[in-house]
Amino acid sequence: MKRFLACTCALGLLACSPQGQPAAKAGARPEAAKPAEAAALPADAAATDAAEVFTYACPGGKTFSVSYDEGFTTATVKSGADTWKLPAVISGSGARYSDGKVEFWEHQGEAMLNGTPGGDSGSCPRKEEPK
């Protein structure tokens, strides 16, 4: 019985983890996709040409851009001359990526970027792409 309970708890935690979530559909927006589903970008890749890039504009004029690997397991964040490859981490809501120092958190088209040399930025709406 204890073994059954332990297995049930482990499966429950796995189901709540990003690895237990279904893969995102091609072309899905970041808020519609779940992080941590497939293989990460190659170690030397900042963002592939095929990756869609999302730009966020913060109060005060700061902007940064984000692209994701195919499985949304890694976000590549560019701000000024700096680039960070951030792995997906557990989030209660939205998509959150962090390397323990820099954190990018996106929810419903609005993002925060914390821990960067230029200081923290919050309430940064995603810029709409021209049609």
C-alpha atoms as a PDB file:
ATOM      1  CA  MET A   1       0.000   0.000   0.000  1.00  0.00           C
ATOM      2  CA  LYS A   2       2.851   2.408   0.839  1.00  0.00           C
ATOM      3  CA  ARG A   3       4.511   1.641  -2.480  1.00  0.00           C
ATOM      4  CA  PHE A   4       1.229   2.301  -4.322  1.00  0.00           C
ATOM      5  CA  LEU A   5       0.782   5.619  -2.494  1.00  0.00           C
ATOM      6  CA  ALA A   6       4.367   6.651  -3.264  1.00  0.00           C
ATOM      7  CA  CYS A   7       3.913   5.814  -6.960  1.00  0.00           C
ATOM      8  CA  THR A   8       0.619   7.694  -7.069  1.00  0.00           C
ATOM      9  CA  CYS A   9       2.220  10.777  -5.499  1.00  0.00           C
ATOM     10  CA  ALA A  10       5.174  10.593  -7.900  1.00  0.00           C
ATOM     11  CA  LEU A  11       2.853  10.345 -10.904  1.00  0.00           C
ATOM     12  CA  GLY A  12       0.814  13.261  -9.589  1.00  0.00           C
ATOM     13  CA  LEU A  13       3.921  15.408  -9.285  1.00  0.00           C
ATOM     14  CA  LEU A  14       5.076  14.350 -12.746  1.00  0.00           C
ATOM     15  CA  ALA A  15       1.716  15.321 -14.188  1.00  0.00           C
ATOM     16  CA  CYS A  16       2.098  18.789 -12.638  1.00  0.00           C
ATOM     17  CA  SER A  17       5.659  19.196 -13.872  1.00  0.00           C
ATOM     18  CA  PRO A  18       6.448  20.866 -17.214  1.00  0.00           C
ATOM     19  CA  GLN A  19       7.813  17.546 -18.562  1.00  0.00           C
ATOM     20  CA  GLY A  20       4.380  15.953 -18.170  1.00  0.00           C
ATOM     21  CA  GLN A  21       2.615  18.518 -20.346  1.00  0.00           C
ATOM     22  CA  PRO A  22       1.726  18.027 -24.025  1.00  0.00           C
ATOM     23  CA  ALA A  23       3.910  19.604 -26.695  1.00  0.00           C
ATOM     24  CA  ALA A  24       2.993  23.054 -27.958  1.00  0.00           C
ATOM     25  CA  LYS A  25       1.495  23.367 -31.432  1.00  0.00           C
ATOM     26  CA  ALA A  26       3.632  24.970 -34.127  1.00  0.00           C
ATOM     27  CA  GLY A  27       3.143  28.724 -34.238  1.00  0.00           C
ATOM     28  CA  ALA A  28       1.566  28.882 -30.778  1.00  0.00           C
ATOM     29  CA  ARG A  29       1.999  32.057 -28.770  1.00  0.00           C
ATOM     30  CA  PRO A  30       4.184  31.750 -25.651  1.00  0.00           C
ATOM     31  CA  GLU A  31       1.258  32.182 -23.251  1.00  0.00           C
ATOM     32  CA  ALA A  32      -0.609  29.360 -25.013  1.00  0.00           C
ATOM     33  CA  ALA A  33       2.326  26.980 -24.805  1.00  0.00           C
ATOM     34  CA  LYS A  34       3.602  25.160 -21.791  1.00  0.00           C
ATOM     35  CA  PRO A  35       7.342  25.363 -21.041  1.00  0.00           C
ATOM     36  CA  ALA A  36       9.726  22.430 -20.727  1.00  0.00           C
ATOM     37  CA  GLU A  37       8.446  19.938 -23.264  1.00  0.00           C
ATOM     38  CA  ALA A  38      11.231  18.921 -25.676  1.00  0.00           C
ATOM     39  CA  ALA A  39      14.933  19.228 -26.451  1.00  0.00           C
ATOM     40  CA  ALA A  40      16.758  22.486 -25.736  1.00  0.00           C
ATOM     41  CA  LEU A  41      18.572  24.638 -28.278  1.00  0.00           C
ATOM     42  CA  PRO A  42      22.118  23.640 -29.170  1.00  0.00           C
ATOM     43  CA  ALA A  43      24.569  25.068 -26.636  1.00  0.00           C
ATOM     44  CA  ASP A  44      26.053  27.549 -29.121  1.00  0.00           C
ATOM     45  CA  ALA A  45      22.772  28.767 -30.633  1.00  0.00           C
ATOM     46  CA  ALA A  46      21.308  32.078 -29.483  1.00  0.00           C
ATOM     47  CA  ALA A  47      18.165  31.751 -31.590  1.00  0.00           C
ATOM     48  CA  THR A  48      17.559  29.981 -34.867  1.00  0.00           C
ATOM     49  CA  ASP A  49      16.429  31.844 -37.965  1.00  0.00           C
ATOM     50  CA  ALA A  50      13.176  29.882 -37.844  1.00  0.00           C
ATOM     51  CA  ALA A  51      12.394  30.915 -34.257  1.00  0.00           C
ATOM     52  CA  GLU A  52       9.700  33.530 -33.820  1.00  0.00           C
ATOM     53  CA  VAL A  53      10.947  36.574 -31.908  1.00  0.00           C
ATOM     54  CA  PHE A  54       8.730  38.464 -29.463  1.00  0.00           C
ATOM     55  CA  THR A  55       9.618  42.003 -28.416  1.00  0.00           C
ATOM     56  CA  TYR A  56       8.554  43.623 -25.148  1.00  0.00           C
ATOM     57  CA  ALA A  57       8.521  47.373 -24.467  1.00  0.00           C
ATOM     58  CA  CYS A  58       8.863  48.430 -20.838  1.00  0.00           C
ATOM     59  CA  PRO A  59       7.949  51.689 -19.121  1.00  0.00           C
ATOM     60  CA  GLY A  60      10.910  54.036 -19.381  1.00  0.00           C
ATOM     61  CA  GLY A  61      11.791  52.895 -22.909  1.00  0.00           C
ATOM     62  CA  LYS A  62      13.683  49.654 -22.246  1.00  0.00           C
ATOM     63  CA  THR A  63      12.973  46.889 -24.757  1.00  0.00           C
ATOM     64  CA  PHE A  64      14.041  43.273 -24.954  1.00  0.00           C
ATOM     65  CA  SER A  65      13.323  40.369 -27.267  1.00  0.00           C
ATOM     66  CA  VAL A  66      12.684  36.698 -26.604  1.00  0.00           C
ATOM     67  CA  SER A  67      12.715  33.585 -28.760  1.00  0.00           C
ATOM     68  CA  TYR A  68      12.042  30.006 -27.721  1.00  0.00           C
ATOM     69  CA  ASP A  69      13.367  26.625 -28.733  1.00  0.00           C
ATOM     70  CA  GLU A  70      10.932  24.254 -30.416  1.00  0.00           C
ATOM     71  CA  GLY A  71       9.769  22.680 -27.170  1.00  0.00           C
ATOM     72  CA  PHE A  72       9.678  25.903 -25.135  1.00  0.00           C
ATOM     73  CA  THR A  73      12.312  24.468 -22.759  1.00  0.00           C
ATOM     74  CA  THR A  74      14.704  27.381 -23.297  1.00  0.00           C
ATOM     75  CA  ALA A  75      14.101  31.091 -23.832  1.00  0.00           C
ATOM     76  CA  THR A  76      16.811  33.203 -25.437  1.00  0.00           C
ATOM     77  CA  VAL A  77      16.480  36.754 -24.106  1.00  0.00           C
ATOM     78  CA  LYS A  78      18.292  39.688 -25.726  1.00  0.00           C
ATOM     79  CA  SER A  79      18.507  43.113 -24.114  1.00  0.00           C
ATOM     80  CA  GLY A  80      20.945  45.605 -25.578  1.00  0.00           C
ATOM     81  CA  ALA A  81      24.270  43.821 -26.141  1.00  0.00           C
ATOM     82  CA  ASP A  82      23.459  41.091 -23.593  1.00  0.00           C
ATOM     83  CA  THR A  83      21.987  37.666 -24.363  1.00  0.00           C
ATOM     84  CA  TRP A  84      20.849  35.016 -21.865  1.00  0.00           C
ATOM     85  CA  LYS A  85      19.758  31.433 -22.503  1.00  0.00           C
ATOM     86  CA  LEU A  86      17.306  30.667 -19.730  1.00  0.00           C
ATOM     87  CA  PRO A  87      15.902  27.221 -18.968  1.00  0.00           C
ATOM     88  CA  ALA A  88      12.197  26.821 -18.199  1.00  0.00           C
ATOM     89  CA  VAL A  89      11.338  26.648 -14.511  1.00  0.00           C
ATOM     90  CA  ILE A  90       8.100  25.855 -12.701  1.00  0.00           C
ATOM     91  CA  SER A  91       5.575  28.662 -12.745  1.00  0.00           C
ATOM     92  CA  GLY A  92       2.228  28.962 -11.047  1.00  0.00           C
ATOM     93  CA  SER A  93       0.961  30.940 -14.008  1.00  0.00           C
ATOM     94  CA  GLY A  94       2.452  31.979 -17.336  1.00  0.00           C
ATOM     95  CA  ALA A  95       5.842  30.945 -18.689  1.00  0.00           C
ATOM     96  CA  ARG A  96       8.886  31.454 -16.478  1.00  0.00           C
ATOM     97  CA  TYR A  97      12.560  30.993 -17.383  1.00  0.00           C
ATOM     98  CA  SER A  98      15.543  31.506 -15.092  1.00  0.00           C
ATOM     99  CA  ASP A  99      19.198  30.567 -14.706  1.00  0.00           C
ATOM    100  CA  GLY A 100      19.126  31.489 -11.012  1.00  0.00           C
ATOM    101  CA  LYS A 101      20.346  35.037 -11.677  1.00  0.00           C
ATOM    102  CA  VAL A 102      18.326  36.371 -14.602  1.00  0.00           C
ATOM    103  CA  GLU A 103      14.588  35.689 -14.751  1.00  0.00           C
ATOM    104  CA  PHE A 104      12.124  36.181 -17.604  1.00  0.00           C
ATOM    105  CA  TRP A 105       8.452  35.711 -16.764  1.00  0.00           C
ATOM    106  CA  GLU A 106       5.651  36.109 -19.319  1.00  0.00           C
ATOM    107  CA  HIS A 107       1.922  35.944 -18.666  1.00  0.00           C
ATOM    108  CA  GLN A 108      -0.888  36.944 -21.040  1.00  0.00           C
ATOM    109  CA  GLY A 109       1.315  39.119 -23.245  1.00  0.00           C
ATOM    110  CA  GLU A 110       3.048  40.992 -20.436  1.00  0.00           C
ATOM    111  CA  ALA A 111       6.546  40.221 -19.165  1.00  0.00           C
ATOM    112  CA  MET A 112       9.081  40.899 -16.433  1.00  0.00           C
ATOM    113  CA  LEU A 113      12.861  40.706 -16.851  1.00  0.00           C
ATOM    114  CA  ASN A 114      14.786  40.633 -13.575  1.00  0.00           C
ATOM    115  CA  GLY A 115      18.453  40.340 -12.620  1.00  0.00           C
ATOM    116  CA  THR A 116      19.945  42.064 -15.658  1.00  0.00           C
ATOM    117  CA  PRO A 117      22.769  44.624 -15.507  1.00  0.00           C
ATOM    118  CA  GLY A 118      20.326  47.364 -16.584  1.00  0.00           C
ATOM    119  CA  GLY A 119      18.072  46.614 -13.620  1.00  0.00           C
ATOM    120  CA  ASP A 120      14.722  44.903 -13.273  1.00  0.00           C
ATOM    121  CA  SER A 121      11.884  45.622 -15.693  1.00  0.00           C
ATOM    122  CA  GLY A 122       8.254  44.815 -15.056  1.00  0.00           C
ATOM    123  CA  SER A 123       4.891  45.417 -16.704  1.00  0.00           C
ATOM    124  CA  CYS A 124       6.398  45.166 -20.185  1.00  0.00           C
ATOM    125  CA  PRO A 125       3.677  44.507 -22.786  1.00  0.00           C
ATOM    126  CA  ARG A 126       4.499  42.513 -25.893  1.00  0.00           C
ATOM    127  CA  LYS A 127       4.731  44.705 -28.993  1.00  0.00           C
ATOM    128  CA  GLU A 128       2.276  43.741 -31.679  1.00  0.00           C
ATOM    129  CA  GLU A 129       3.893  42.746 -34.933  1.00  0.00           C
ATOM    130  CA  PRO A 130       2.979  44.836 -37.990  1.00  0.00           C
ATOM    131  CA  LYS A 131       0.558  43.102 -40.353  1.00  0.00           C
END
